[in-house]
Amino acid sequence: MARGPVLFDLDEDTAPRPQVAAAPPVPDLADPAPQGQAMQIAAQLAARRPSLLVRLFWWLATALVGAAVSIAAWSFITGLMAQYPLLGWAMTVLVAAFLLVLSLLCLREMAAFGRLARLDGLRHDAAEALAQADLSAARAVTDRMVALYKGREDTRWGRDRLAELRGDQLDAQGLLGLTETELLGPLDIAASREVEAAARQVATVTALVPLALADVAAALTSNLRMIRRIAEIYGGRSGFFGSWRLTRAVLSHLVATGAVAVGDDMLEPILGGSLLGKLSRRFGEGLVNGALTARVGVAAMEVCRPLPFAPSRRPKVRGIIKRALGGLFGKQN
């Protein structure tokens, strides 16, 4: 029996020598990279659809409480009318005023849903006109766009330019492209600024506030406010329930497509490379949460915009991240 080391000759043609430089880096299990937990949790909470049993419970609870309050109010007012007629009439007036305000709030919520549906209809009709190259349909969409922004001063110059140049457009793509440039250009800039502001706020709160769940609350609140402001910019001002429904639609789309995911490439424009490991974990979480907020903002712009983005005009998430978060940290070398 041979003793000592045994050497095996490797055939270079069939078994190439492994290269040490090509080996993947060893992960640092002791200090995992930031994952943007606040935005991950906020997105899952907002996108989660309650089960049928839970919805039935809340519907029955609302009906039961509403019936109990109504009966108690009626009994209170009738008893007060019998004993103190003047006070009874005063309470009747107050209850009537409350019901009137409640009805106005319901009408406002219905109008908000109607505005959002109007934007959805415009975007759908514009996509159909582009797909079928239908100039007549594109002109109809353009007329509806002009009517949508007729009373807004920030679109007056664009509307005048569109009225001057639209006669030169002989195809649907050219006409809708002109409409997008002249009418939606200033609105896209304003919406991008809202996204940048929300990303900065989420990143700052996550990095500087050490309280448990404070970053989740800040992320969810900032994203709700950002999506509502983006809808207002594009002409779809929504109420409370409309804003929540719109937020769920945006975050559900991101969760379903896996866009709420973390990668060093998101922060490369700011840090100059894969340097998350060189930051403190808290600041790293802040940057990742801000970057994910920027992704949510771009998705909200696509959902709220009355025209689909042309490939050359779609906002770049990396550019928004760089403008929003670049000032929070100096350029790393």
C-alpha atoms as a PDB file:
ATOM      1  CA  MET A   1       0.000   0.000   0.000  1.00  0.00           C
ATOM      2  CA  ALA A   2       1.337   3.411  -1.031  1.00  0.00           C
ATOM      3  CA  ARG A   3       1.952   5.942   1.719  1.00  0.00           C
ATOM      4  CA  GLY A   4       1.973   9.745   1.510  1.00  0.00           C
ATOM      5  CA  PRO A   5       0.091  12.045  -0.833  1.00  0.00           C
ATOM      6  CA  VAL A   6      -1.303  10.730  -4.084  1.00  0.00           C
ATOM      7  CA  LEU A   7      -1.183  12.946  -7.183  1.00  0.00           C
ATOM      8  CA  PHE A   8      -3.816  12.810  -9.918  1.00  0.00           C
ATOM      9  CA  ASP A   9      -3.083  14.214 -13.340  1.00  0.00           C
ATOM     10  CA  LEU A  10      -5.910  16.451 -14.643  1.00  0.00           C
ATOM     11  CA  ASP A  11      -6.741  16.367 -18.302  1.00  0.00           C
ATOM     12  CA  GLU A  12      -6.795  20.032 -19.327  1.00  0.00           C
ATOM     13  CA  ASP A  13      -9.206  19.369 -22.201  1.00  0.00           C
ATOM     14  CA  THR A  14     -11.903  17.593 -20.177  1.00  0.00           C
ATOM     15  CA  ALA A  15     -11.420  19.072 -16.708  1.00  0.00           C
ATOM     16  CA  PRO A  16     -10.303  22.717 -16.775  1.00  0.00           C
ATOM     17  CA  ARG A  17      -8.445  23.960 -13.717  1.00  0.00           C
ATOM     18  CA  PRO A  18     -10.783  25.952 -11.435  1.00  0.00           C
ATOM     19  CA  GLN A  19     -10.102  29.659 -11.145  1.00  0.00           C
ATOM     20  CA  VAL A  20     -10.027  31.095  -7.646  1.00  0.00           C
ATOM     21  CA  ALA A  21     -10.939  34.582  -8.890  1.00  0.00           C
ATOM     22  CA  ALA A  22     -14.195  33.256 -10.366  1.00  0.00           C
ATOM     23  CA  ALA A  23     -15.455  31.926  -7.047  1.00  0.00           C
ATOM     24  CA  PRO A  24     -18.447  33.850  -5.582  1.00  0.00           C
ATOM     25  CA  PRO A  25     -17.774  35.955  -2.491  1.00  0.00           C
ATOM     26  CA  VAL A  26     -18.464  34.402   0.876  1.00  0.00           C
ATOM     27  CA  PRO A  27     -21.637  35.930   2.351  1.00  0.00           C
ATOM     28  CA  ASP A  28     -21.371  37.734   5.653  1.00  0.00           C
ATOM     29  CA  LEU A  29     -23.911  35.786   7.699  1.00  0.00           C
ATOM     30  CA  ALA A  30     -23.175  37.670  10.878  1.00  0.00           C
ATOM     31  CA  ASP A  31     -24.279  41.022   9.462  1.00  0.00           C
ATOM     32  CA  PRO A  32     -26.791  40.544   6.618  1.00  0.00           C
ATOM     33  CA  ALA A  33     -27.322  43.354   4.159  1.00  0.00           C
ATOM     34  CA  PRO A  34     -30.263  45.714   4.724  1.00  0.00           C
ATOM     35  CA  GLN A  35     -33.479  44.420   3.193  1.00  0.00           C
ATOM     36  CA  GLY A  36     -35.837  47.394   3.601  1.00  0.00           C
ATOM     37  CA  GLN A  37     -37.976  45.663   6.194  1.00  0.00           C
ATOM     38  CA  ALA A  38     -40.180  48.724   6.791  1.00  0.00           C
ATOM     39  CA  MET A  39     -41.235  48.965   3.141  1.00  0.00           C
ATOM     40  CA  GLN A  40     -41.574  45.195   2.853  1.00  0.00           C
ATOM     41  CA  ILE A  41     -43.958  45.085   5.814  1.00  0.00           C
ATOM     42  CA  ALA A  42     -45.860  48.210   4.731  1.00  0.00           C
ATOM     43  CA  ALA A  43     -46.350  46.845   1.218  1.00  0.00           C
ATOM     44  CA  GLN A  44     -47.597  43.503   2.513  1.00  0.00           C
ATOM     45  CA  LEU A  45     -49.989  45.187   4.953  1.00  0.00           C
ATOM     46  CA  ALA A  46     -51.440  47.496   2.311  1.00  0.00           C
ATOM     47  CA  ALA A  47     -51.644  44.840  -0.400  1.00  0.00           C
ATOM     48  CA  ARG A  48     -53.188  42.159   1.800  1.00  0.00           C
ATOM     49  CA  ARG A  49     -56.814  41.525   0.906  1.00  0.00           C
ATOM     50  CA  PRO A  50     -58.990  40.510   3.863  1.00  0.00           C
ATOM     51  CA  SER A  51     -60.731  37.180   3.666  1.00  0.00           C
ATOM     52  CA  LEU A  52     -64.457  36.852   2.966  1.00  0.00           C
ATOM     53  CA  LEU A  53     -65.110  35.958   6.600  1.00  0.00           C
ATOM     54  CA  VAL A  54     -63.307  39.084   7.843  1.00  0.00           C
ATOM     55  CA  ARG A  55     -65.149  41.306   5.371  1.00  0.00           C
ATOM     56  CA  LEU A  56     -68.464  39.782   6.411  1.00  0.00           C
ATOM     57  CA  PHE A  57     -67.591  40.396  10.066  1.00  0.00           C
ATOM     58  CA  TRP A  58     -66.839  44.084   9.474  1.00  0.00           C
ATOM     59  CA  TRP A  59     -69.956  44.528   7.333  1.00  0.00           C
ATOM     60  CA  LEU A  60     -72.183  42.995  10.020  1.00  0.00           C
ATOM     61  CA  ALA A  61     -70.400  44.932  12.786  1.00  0.00           C
ATOM     62  CA  THR A  62     -70.893  48.209  10.914  1.00  0.00           C
ATOM     63  CA  ALA A  63     -74.562  47.455  10.279  1.00  0.00           C
ATOM     64  CA  LEU A  64     -75.126  46.446  13.912  1.00  0.00           C
ATOM     65  CA  VAL A  65     -73.384  49.505  15.367  1.00  0.00           C
ATOM     66  CA  GLY A  66     -75.146  51.796  12.903  1.00  0.00           C
ATOM     67  CA  ALA A  67     -78.545  50.342  13.800  1.00  0.00           C
ATOM     68  CA  ALA A  68     -77.828  50.597  17.534  1.00  0.00           C
ATOM     69  CA  VAL A  69     -76.687  54.225  17.237  1.00  0.00           C
ATOM     70  CA  SER A  70     -79.708  55.135  15.104  1.00  0.00           C
ATOM     71  CA  ILE A  71     -82.197  53.560  17.526  1.00  0.00           C
ATOM     72  CA  ALA A  72     -80.478  55.157  20.529  1.00  0.00           C
ATOM     73  CA  ALA A  73     -80.468  58.578  18.842  1.00  0.00           C
ATOM     74  CA  TRP A  74     -84.138  58.263  17.877  1.00  0.00           C
ATOM     75  CA  SER A  75     -85.142  57.213  21.401  1.00  0.00           C
ATOM     76  CA  PHE A  76     -83.083  60.042  22.902  1.00  0.00           C
ATOM     77  CA  ILE A  77     -84.595  62.698  20.629  1.00  0.00           C
ATOM     78  CA  THR A  78     -88.205  61.510  21.045  1.00  0.00           C
ATOM     79  CA  GLY A  79     -87.789  61.365  24.826  1.00  0.00           C
ATOM     80  CA  LEU A  80     -86.225  64.821  24.834  1.00  0.00           C
ATOM     81  CA  MET A  81     -89.037  66.157  22.645  1.00  0.00           C
ATOM     82  CA  ALA A  82     -91.620  64.840  25.120  1.00  0.00           C
ATOM     83  CA  GLN A  83     -89.946  66.427  28.153  1.00  0.00           C
ATOM     84  CA  TYR A  84     -88.186  69.486  26.701  1.00  0.00           C
ATOM     85  CA  PRO A  85     -89.572  70.347  23.268  1.00  0.00           C
ATOM     86  CA  LEU A  86     -87.086  73.163  22.628  1.00  0.00           C
ATOM     87  CA  LEU A  87     -84.052  71.001  23.374  1.00  0.00           C
ATOM     88  CA  GLY A  88     -85.587  68.206  21.346  1.00  0.00           C
ATOM     89  CA  TRP A  89     -85.876  70.445  18.280  1.00  0.00           C
ATOM     90  CA  ALA A  90     -82.310  71.653  18.789  1.00  0.00           C
ATOM     91  CA  MET A  91     -81.035  68.064  18.858  1.00  0.00           C
ATOM     92  CA  THR A  92     -83.102  67.283  15.768  1.00  0.00           C
ATOM     93  CA  VAL A  93     -81.405  70.105  13.913  1.00  0.00           C
ATOM     94  CA  LEU A  94     -77.969  68.894  15.014  1.00  0.00           C
ATOM     95  CA  VAL A  95     -78.688  65.325  13.911  1.00  0.00           C
ATOM     96  CA  ALA A  96     -80.035  66.581  10.576  1.00  0.00           C
ATOM     97  CA  ALA A  97     -76.893  68.670  10.062  1.00  0.00           C
ATOM     98  CA  PHE A  98     -74.723  65.658  10.874  1.00  0.00           C
ATOM     99  CA  LEU A  99     -76.598  63.489   8.378  1.00  0.00           C
ATOM    100  CA  LEU A 100     -76.282  66.209   5.754  1.00  0.00           C
ATOM    101  CA  VAL A 101     -72.497  66.429   6.227  1.00  0.00           C
ATOM    102  CA  LEU A 102     -72.247  62.643   6.143  1.00  0.00           C
ATOM    103  CA  SER A 103     -74.178  62.573   2.860  1.00  0.00           C
ATOM    104  CA  LEU A 104     -71.864  65.224   1.389  1.00  0.00           C
ATOM    105  CA  LEU A 105     -68.840  63.169   2.416  1.00  0.00           C
ATOM    106  CA  CYS A 106     -70.323  60.113   0.715  1.00  0.00           C
ATOM    107  CA  LEU A 107     -70.943  62.138  -2.445  1.00  0.00           C
ATOM    108  CA  ARG A 108     -67.353  63.382  -2.356  1.00  0.00           C
ATOM    109  CA  GLU A 109     -66.049  59.829  -2.085  1.00  0.00           C
ATOM    110  CA  MET A 110     -68.242  58.788  -5.024  1.00  0.00           C
ATOM    111  CA  ALA A 111     -66.955  61.732  -7.063  1.00  0.00           C
ATOM    112  CA  ALA A 112     -63.373  60.707  -6.207  1.00  0.00           C
ATOM    113  CA  PHE A 113     -64.006  57.189  -7.490  1.00  0.00           C
ATOM    114  CA  GLY A 114     -65.499  58.727 -10.630  1.00  0.00           C
ATOM    115  CA  ARG A 115     -62.364  60.817 -11.233  1.00  0.00           C
ATOM    116  CA  LEU A 116     -60.129  57.768 -10.880  1.00  0.00           C
ATOM    117  CA  ALA A 117     -62.376  55.829 -13.252  1.00  0.00           C
ATOM    118  CA  ARG A 118     -62.107  58.709 -15.734  1.00  0.00           C
ATOM    119  CA  LEU A 119     -58.315  58.446 -15.725  1.00  0.00           C
ATOM    120  CA  ASP A 120     -58.531  54.678 -16.185  1.00  0.00           C
ATOM    121  CA  GLY A 121     -60.878  55.135 -19.120  1.00  0.00           C
ATOM    122  CA  LEU A 122     -58.574  57.649 -20.798  1.00  0.00           C
ATOM    123  CA  ARG A 123     -55.546  55.403 -20.391  1.00  0.00           C
ATOM    124  CA  HIS A 124     -57.438  52.391 -21.768  1.00  0.00           C
ATOM    125  CA  ASP A 125     -58.795  54.320 -24.774  1.00  0.00           C
ATOM    126  CA  ALA A 126     -55.367  55.787 -25.530  1.00  0.00           C
ATOM    127  CA  ALA A 127     -53.804  52.323 -25.459  1.00  0.00           C
ATOM    128  CA  GLU A 128     -56.503  51.059 -27.819  1.00  0.00           C
ATOM    129  CA  ALA A 129     -55.984  53.988 -30.199  1.00  0.00           C
ATOM    130  CA  LEU A 130     -52.239  53.331 -30.284  1.00  0.00           C
ATOM    131  CA  ALA A 131     -52.675  49.593 -30.787  1.00  0.00           C
ATOM    132  CA  GLN A 132     -55.098  50.091 -33.690  1.00  0.00           C
ATOM    133  CA  ALA A 133     -53.401  53.224 -35.091  1.00  0.00           C
ATOM    134  CA  ASP A 134     -56.819  54.943 -35.027  1.00  0.00           C
ATOM    135  CA  LEU A 135     -56.387  58.679 -35.591  1.00  0.00           C
ATOM    136  CA  SER A 136     -60.068  59.438 -34.898  1.00  0.00           C
ATOM    137  CA  ALA A 137     -59.888  57.677 -31.527  1.00  0.00           C
ATOM    138  CA  ALA A 138     -56.648  59.504 -30.722  1.00  0.00           C
ATOM    139  CA  ARG A 139     -58.316  62.836 -31.481  1.00  0.00           C
ATOM    140  CA  ALA A 140     -61.198  61.923 -29.176  1.00  0.00           C
ATOM    141  CA  VAL A 141     -58.743  61.054 -26.389  1.00  0.00           C
ATOM    142  CA  THR A 142     -56.920  64.351 -26.961  1.00  0.00           C
ATOM    143  CA  ASP A 143     -60.177  66.309 -26.722  1.00  0.00           C
ATOM    144  CA  ARG A 144     -61.018  64.574 -23.454  1.00  0.00           C
ATOM    145  CA  MET A 145     -57.530  65.328 -22.132  1.00  0.00           C
ATOM    146  CA  VAL A 146     -57.947  69.023 -22.959  1.00  0.00           C
ATOM    147  CA  ALA A 147     -61.341  69.038 -21.218  1.00  0.00           C
ATOM    148  CA  LEU A 148     -59.821  67.300 -18.173  1.00  0.00           C
ATOM    149  CA  TYR A 149     -57.169  70.006 -17.681  1.00  0.00           C
ATOM    150  CA  LYS A 150     -59.172  72.943 -19.002  1.00  0.00           C
ATOM    151  CA  GLY A 151     -59.425  74.792 -15.695  1.00  0.00           C
ATOM    152  CA  ARG A 152     -55.801  74.325 -14.581  1.00  0.00           C
ATOM    153  CA  GLU A 153     -53.385  77.194 -14.950  1.00  0.00           C
ATOM    154  CA  ASP A 154     -50.316  74.934 -14.918  1.00  0.00           C
ATOM    155  CA  THR A 155     -51.452  73.353 -18.206  1.00  0.00           C
ATOM    156  CA  ARG A 156     -52.551  76.532 -20.004  1.00  0.00           C
ATOM    157  CA  TRP A 157     -49.343  76.946 -22.009  1.00  0.00           C
ATOM    158  CA  GLY A 158     -49.369  73.254 -22.954  1.00  0.00           C
ATOM    159  CA  ARG A 159     -53.000  73.443 -24.056  1.00  0.00           C
ATOM    160  CA  ASP A 160     -52.237  76.446 -26.244  1.00  0.00           C
ATOM    161  CA  ARG A 161     -49.260  74.673 -27.820  1.00  0.00           C
ATOM    162  CA  LEU A 162     -51.325  71.547 -28.389  1.00  0.00           C
ATOM    163  CA  ALA A 163     -54.087  73.530 -30.104  1.00  0.00           C
ATOM    164  CA  GLU A 164     -51.470  75.140 -32.337  1.00  0.00           C
ATOM    165  CA  LEU A 165     -49.632  71.959 -33.364  1.00  0.00           C
ATOM    166  CA  ARG A 166     -52.213  69.172 -33.310  1.00  0.00           C
ATOM    167  CA  GLY A 167     -53.362  69.860 -36.873  1.00  0.00           C
ATOM    168  CA  ASP A 168     -49.927  68.834 -38.178  1.00  0.00           C
ATOM    169  CA  GLN A 169     -50.184  65.328 -36.716  1.00  0.00           C
ATOM    170  CA  LEU A 170     -51.376  62.739 -39.225  1.00  0.00           C
ATOM    171  CA  ASP A 171     -51.227  59.553 -37.141  1.00  0.00           C
ATOM    172  CA  ALA A 172     -52.397  58.415 -33.728  1.00  0.00           C
ATOM    173  CA  GLN A 173     -48.908  57.902 -32.297  1.00  0.00           C
ATOM    174  CA  GLY A 174     -47.775  61.395 -33.270  1.00  0.00           C
ATOM    175  CA  LEU A 175     -50.903  63.080 -31.897  1.00  0.00           C
ATOM    176  CA  LEU A 176     -50.851  61.248 -28.563  1.00  0.00           C
ATOM    177  CA  GLY A 177     -47.099  61.796 -28.299  1.00  0.00           C
ATOM    178  CA  LEU A 178     -47.659  65.546 -28.765  1.00  0.00           C
ATOM    179  CA  THR A 179     -50.449  65.462 -26.172  1.00  0.00           C
ATOM    180  CA  GLU A 180     -48.188  63.635 -23.744  1.00  0.00           C
ATOM    181  CA  THR A 181     -45.347  66.107 -24.227  1.00  0.00           C
ATOM    182  CA  GLU A 182     -47.336  69.329 -24.033  1.00  0.00           C
ATOM    183  CA  LEU A 183     -49.983  68.462 -21.433  1.00  0.00           C
ATOM    184  CA  LEU A 184     -48.329  65.880 -19.196  1.00  0.00           C
ATOM    185  CA  GLY A 185     -44.710  67.075 -19.258  1.00  0.00           C
ATOM    186  CA  PRO A 186     -45.083  69.587 -16.370  1.00  0.00           C
ATOM    187  CA  LEU A 187     -47.274  67.143 -14.447  1.00  0.00           C
ATOM    188  CA  ASP A 188     -44.672  64.380 -14.768  1.00  0.00           C
ATOM    189  CA  ILE A 189     -42.049  66.709 -13.279  1.00  0.00           C
ATOM    190  CA  ALA A 190     -44.332  67.606 -10.357  1.00  0.00           C
ATOM    191  CA  ALA A 191     -45.148  63.937  -9.716  1.00  0.00           C
ATOM    192  CA  SER A 192     -41.444  62.998  -9.780  1.00  0.00           C
ATOM    193  CA  ARG A 193     -40.748  65.668  -7.150  1.00  0.00           C
ATOM    194  CA  GLU A 194     -43.444  64.184  -4.920  1.00  0.00           C
ATOM    195  CA  VAL A 195     -41.800  60.770  -5.272  1.00  0.00           C
ATOM    196  CA  GLU A 196     -38.384  62.213  -4.405  1.00  0.00           C
ATOM    197  CA  ALA A 197     -39.776  63.983  -1.324  1.00  0.00           C
ATOM    198  CA  ALA A 198     -41.473  60.815  -0.072  1.00  0.00           C
ATOM    199  CA  ALA A 199     -38.320  58.736  -0.643  1.00  0.00           C
ATOM    200  CA  ARG A 200     -36.232  61.250   1.340  1.00  0.00           C
ATOM    201  CA  GLN A 201     -38.744  61.285   4.187  1.00  0.00           C
ATOM    202  CA  VAL A 202     -38.928  57.503   4.470  1.00  0.00           C
ATOM    203  CA  ALA A 203     -35.132  57.175   4.307  1.00  0.00           C
ATOM    204  CA  THR A 204     -34.601  59.853   6.970  1.00  0.00           C
ATOM    205  CA  VAL A 205     -37.178  58.506   9.419  1.00  0.00           C
ATOM    206  CA  THR A 206     -35.908  54.935   9.059  1.00  0.00           C
ATOM    207  CA  ALA A 207     -32.307  56.002   9.594  1.00  0.00           C
ATOM    208  CA  LEU A 208     -32.830  58.382  12.514  1.00  0.00           C
ATOM    209  CA  VAL A 209     -35.834  57.089  14.486  1.00  0.00           C
ATOM    210  CA  PRO A 210     -34.944  53.942  16.480  1.00  0.00           C
ATOM    211  CA  LEU A 211     -38.471  53.283  17.780  1.00  0.00           C
ATOM    212  CA  ALA A 212     -39.958  49.882  16.957  1.00  0.00           C
ATOM    213  CA  LEU A 213     -42.491  49.957  14.098  1.00  0.00           C
ATOM    214  CA  ALA A 214     -42.025  53.716  13.717  1.00  0.00           C
ATOM    215  CA  ASP A 215     -40.337  53.141  10.375  1.00  0.00           C
ATOM    216  CA  VAL A 216     -43.245  50.940   9.205  1.00  0.00           C
ATOM    217  CA  ALA A 217     -45.791  53.595  10.182  1.00  0.00           C
ATOM    218  CA  ALA A 218     -43.717  56.324   8.516  1.00  0.00           C
ATOM    219  CA  ALA A 219     -43.307  54.270   5.328  1.00  0.00           C
ATOM    220  CA  LEU A 220     -47.010  53.463   5.082  1.00  0.00           C
ATOM    221  CA  THR A 221     -48.105  57.038   5.846  1.00  0.00           C
ATOM    222  CA  SER A 222     -45.620  58.596   3.430  1.00  0.00           C
ATOM    223  CA  ASN A 223     -46.587  56.221   0.641  1.00  0.00           C
ATOM    224  CA  LEU A 224     -50.290  56.887   1.174  1.00  0.00           C
ATOM    225  CA  ARG A 225     -49.683  60.635   1.035  1.00  0.00           C
ATOM    226  CA  MET A 226     -47.423  60.329  -2.004  1.00  0.00           C
ATOM    227  CA  ILE A 227     -49.902  58.242  -3.997  1.00  0.00           C
ATOM    228  CA  ARG A 228     -52.724  60.636  -3.123  1.00  0.00           C
ATOM    229  CA  ARG A 229     -50.666  63.639  -4.217  1.00  0.00           C
ATOM    230  CA  ILE A 230     -49.708  61.935  -7.495  1.00  0.00           C
ATOM    231  CA  ALA A 231     -53.381  61.242  -8.197  1.00  0.00           C
ATOM    232  CA  GLU A 232     -54.206  64.898  -7.507  1.00  0.00           C
ATOM    233  CA  ILE A 233     -51.465  66.077  -9.868  1.00  0.00           C
ATOM    234  CA  TYR A 234     -52.872  64.015 -12.735  1.00  0.00           C
ATOM    235  CA  GLY A 235     -56.461  65.105 -12.059  1.00  0.00           C
ATOM    236  CA  GLY A 236     -57.681  62.144 -10.014  1.00  0.00           C
ATOM    237  CA  ARG A 237     -58.025  63.742  -6.577  1.00  0.00           C
ATOM    238  CA  SER A 238     -59.295  60.993  -4.308  1.00  0.00           C
ATOM    239  CA  GLY A 239     -60.915  60.808  -0.904  1.00  0.00           C
ATOM    240  CA  PHE A 240     -59.978  58.558   1.992  1.00  0.00           C
ATOM    241  CA  PHE A 241     -61.388  55.318   0.603  1.00  0.00           C
ATOM    242  CA  GLY A 242     -60.256  56.154  -2.926  1.00  0.00           C
ATOM    243  CA  SER A 243     -56.704  56.774  -1.728  1.00  0.00           C
ATOM    244  CA  TRP A 244     -56.624  53.506   0.195  1.00  0.00           C
ATOM    245  CA  ARG A 245     -57.992  51.571  -2.781  1.00  0.00           C
ATOM    246  CA  LEU A 246     -55.470  53.199  -5.102  1.00  0.00           C
ATOM    247  CA  THR A 247     -52.625  52.420  -2.698  1.00  0.00           C
ATOM    248  CA  ARG A 248     -53.688  48.792  -2.487  1.00  0.00           C
ATOM    249  CA  ALA A 249     -53.819  48.561  -6.280  1.00  0.00           C
ATOM    250  CA  VAL A 250     -50.296  49.987  -6.649  1.00  0.00           C
ATOM    251  CA  LEU A 251     -48.697  47.904  -3.891  1.00  0.00           C
ATOM    252  CA  SER A 252     -50.531  44.735  -4.912  1.00  0.00           C
ATOM    253  CA  HIS A 253     -49.089  45.125  -8.398  1.00  0.00           C
ATOM    254  CA  LEU A 254     -45.581  45.606  -7.002  1.00  0.00           C
ATOM    255  CA  VAL A 255     -45.854  42.631  -4.647  1.00  0.00           C
ATOM    256  CA  ALA A 256     -47.276  40.396  -7.396  1.00  0.00           C
ATOM    257  CA  THR A 257     -44.494  41.297  -9.846  1.00  0.00           C
ATOM    258  CA  GLY A 258     -41.744  41.047  -7.228  1.00  0.00           C
ATOM    259  CA  ALA A 259     -40.758  44.693  -7.681  1.00  0.00           C
ATOM    260  CA  VAL A 260     -40.560  45.189  -3.902  1.00  0.00           C
ATOM    261  CA  ALA A 261     -37.183  43.509  -3.840  1.00  0.00           C
ATOM    262  CA  VAL A 262     -33.755  44.654  -2.791  1.00  0.00           C
ATOM    263  CA  GLY A 263     -30.593  44.859  -4.838  1.00  0.00           C
ATOM    264  CA  ASP A 264     -27.362  46.779  -4.564  1.00  0.00           C
ATOM    265  CA  ASP A 265     -27.981  48.127  -8.085  1.00  0.00           C
ATOM    266  CA  MET A 266     -30.710  50.393  -6.689  1.00  0.00           C
ATOM    267  CA  LEU A 267     -28.210  52.353  -4.640  1.00  0.00           C
ATOM    268  CA  GLU A 268     -25.254  52.243  -7.006  1.00  0.00           C
ATOM    269  CA  PRO A 269     -25.964  55.789  -8.341  1.00  0.00           C
ATOM    270  CA  ILE A 270     -25.592  57.112  -4.778  1.00  0.00           C
ATOM    271  CA  LEU A 271     -22.875  54.978  -3.253  1.00  0.00           C
ATOM    272  CA  GLY A 272     -20.807  54.281  -6.333  1.00  0.00           C
ATOM    273  CA  GLY A 273     -20.962  50.491  -5.998  1.00  0.00           C
ATOM    274  CA  SER A 274     -21.944  47.649  -3.698  1.00  0.00           C
ATOM    275  CA  LEU A 275     -21.151  49.467  -0.457  1.00  0.00           C
ATOM    276  CA  LEU A 276     -24.174  48.662   1.664  1.00  0.00           C
ATOM    277  CA  GLY A 277     -21.987  46.542   3.907  1.00  0.00           C
ATOM    278  CA  LYS A 278     -19.838  49.588   4.733  1.00  0.00           C
ATOM    279  CA  LEU A 279     -22.789  51.558   6.077  1.00  0.00           C
ATOM    280  CA  SER A 280     -24.338  51.157   9.484  1.00  0.00           C
ATOM    281  CA  ARG A 281     -27.311  48.852   9.300  1.00  0.00           C
ATOM    282  CA  ARG A 282     -29.753  51.598  10.287  1.00  0.00           C
ATOM    283  CA  PHE A 283     -28.611  53.975   7.547  1.00  0.00           C
ATOM    284  CA  GLY A 284     -28.532  51.111   5.078  1.00  0.00           C
ATOM    285  CA  GLU A 285     -32.139  50.277   5.914  1.00  0.00           C
ATOM    286  CA  GLY A 286     -33.055  53.929   5.431  1.00  0.00           C
ATOM    287  CA  LEU A 287     -31.535  54.038   1.958  1.00  0.00           C
ATOM    288  CA  VAL A 288     -33.195  50.790   0.893  1.00  0.00           C
ATOM    289  CA  ASN A 289     -36.598  51.890   2.194  1.00  0.00           C
ATOM    290  CA  GLY A 290     -36.237  55.191   0.344  1.00  0.00           C
ATOM    291  CA  ALA A 291     -35.308  53.367  -2.849  1.00  0.00           C
ATOM    292  CA  LEU A 292     -38.317  51.066  -2.553  1.00  0.00           C
ATOM    293  CA  THR A 293     -40.535  54.112  -1.992  1.00  0.00           C
ATOM    294  CA  ALA A 294     -39.229  55.499  -5.274  1.00  0.00           C
ATOM    295  CA  ARG A 295     -40.284  52.274  -6.989  1.00  0.00           C
ATOM    296  CA  VAL A 296     -43.761  52.616  -5.494  1.00  0.00           C
ATOM    297  CA  GLY A 297     -43.919  56.223  -6.706  1.00  0.00           C
ATOM    298  CA  VAL A 298     -43.069  55.317 -10.291  1.00  0.00           C
ATOM    299  CA  ALA A 299     -45.732  52.593 -10.230  1.00  0.00           C
ATOM    300  CA  ALA A 300     -48.244  55.115  -8.861  1.00  0.00           C
ATOM    301  CA  MET A 301     -47.416  57.500 -11.715  1.00  0.00           C
ATOM    302  CA  GLU A 302     -48.129  54.724 -14.209  1.00  0.00           C
ATOM    303  CA  VAL A 303     -51.441  53.901 -12.521  1.00  0.00           C
ATOM    304  CA  CYS A 304     -52.664  57.500 -12.110  1.00  0.00           C
ATOM    305  CA  ARG A 305     -51.451  58.937 -15.426  1.00  0.00           C
ATOM    306  CA  PRO A 306     -54.216  59.372 -18.051  1.00  0.00           C
ATOM    307  CA  LEU A 307     -51.862  58.318 -20.883  1.00  0.00           C
ATOM    308  CA  PRO A 308     -49.457  55.378 -20.873  1.00  0.00           C
ATOM    309  CA  PHE A 309     -45.802  56.343 -20.796  1.00  0.00           C
ATOM    310  CA  ALA A 310     -43.958  56.363 -24.078  1.00  0.00           C
ATOM    311  CA  PRO A 311     -40.769  54.260 -23.755  1.00  0.00           C
ATOM    312  CA  SER A 312     -38.569  57.361 -23.930  1.00  0.00           C
ATOM    313  CA  ARG A 313     -40.566  59.303 -21.316  1.00  0.00           C
ATOM    314  CA  ARG A 314     -40.964  56.675 -18.610  1.00  0.00           C
ATOM    315  CA  PRO A 315     -39.217  57.920 -15.438  1.00  0.00           C
ATOM    316  CA  LYS A 316     -36.118  55.983 -14.461  1.00  0.00           C
ATOM    317  CA  VAL A 317     -36.202  54.656 -10.918  1.00  0.00           C
ATOM    318  CA  ARG A 318     -32.410  54.939 -10.647  1.00  0.00           C
ATOM    319  CA  GLY A 319     -32.535  58.612 -11.615  1.00  0.00           C
ATOM    320  CA  ILE A 320     -35.224  59.364  -9.031  1.00  0.00           C
ATOM    321  CA  ILE A 321     -33.250  57.505  -6.356  1.00  0.00           C
ATOM    322  CA  LYS A 322     -30.119  59.472  -7.204  1.00  0.00           C
ATOM    323  CA  ARG A 323     -31.891  62.838  -6.996  1.00  0.00           C
ATOM    324  CA  ALA A 324     -33.860  61.919  -3.871  1.00  0.00           C
ATOM    325  CA  LEU A 325     -31.197  60.198  -1.780  1.00  0.00           C
ATOM    326  CA  GLY A 326     -27.938  61.481  -3.212  1.00  0.00           C
ATOM    327  CA  GLY A 327     -27.779  64.364  -0.750  1.00  0.00           C
ATOM    328  CA  LEU A 328     -28.200  62.179   2.327  1.00  0.00           C
ATOM    329  CA  PHE A 329     -24.728  60.665   2.008  1.00  0.00           C
ATOM    330  CA  GLY A 330     -21.575  61.888   0.358  1.00  0.00           C
ATOM    331  CA  LYS A 331     -20.216  60.082  -2.665  1.00  0.00           C
ATOM    332  CA  GLN A 332     -18.268  57.057  -1.557  1.00  0.00           C
ATOM    333  CA  ASN A 333     -14.998  56.032  -3.203  1.00  0.00           C
END
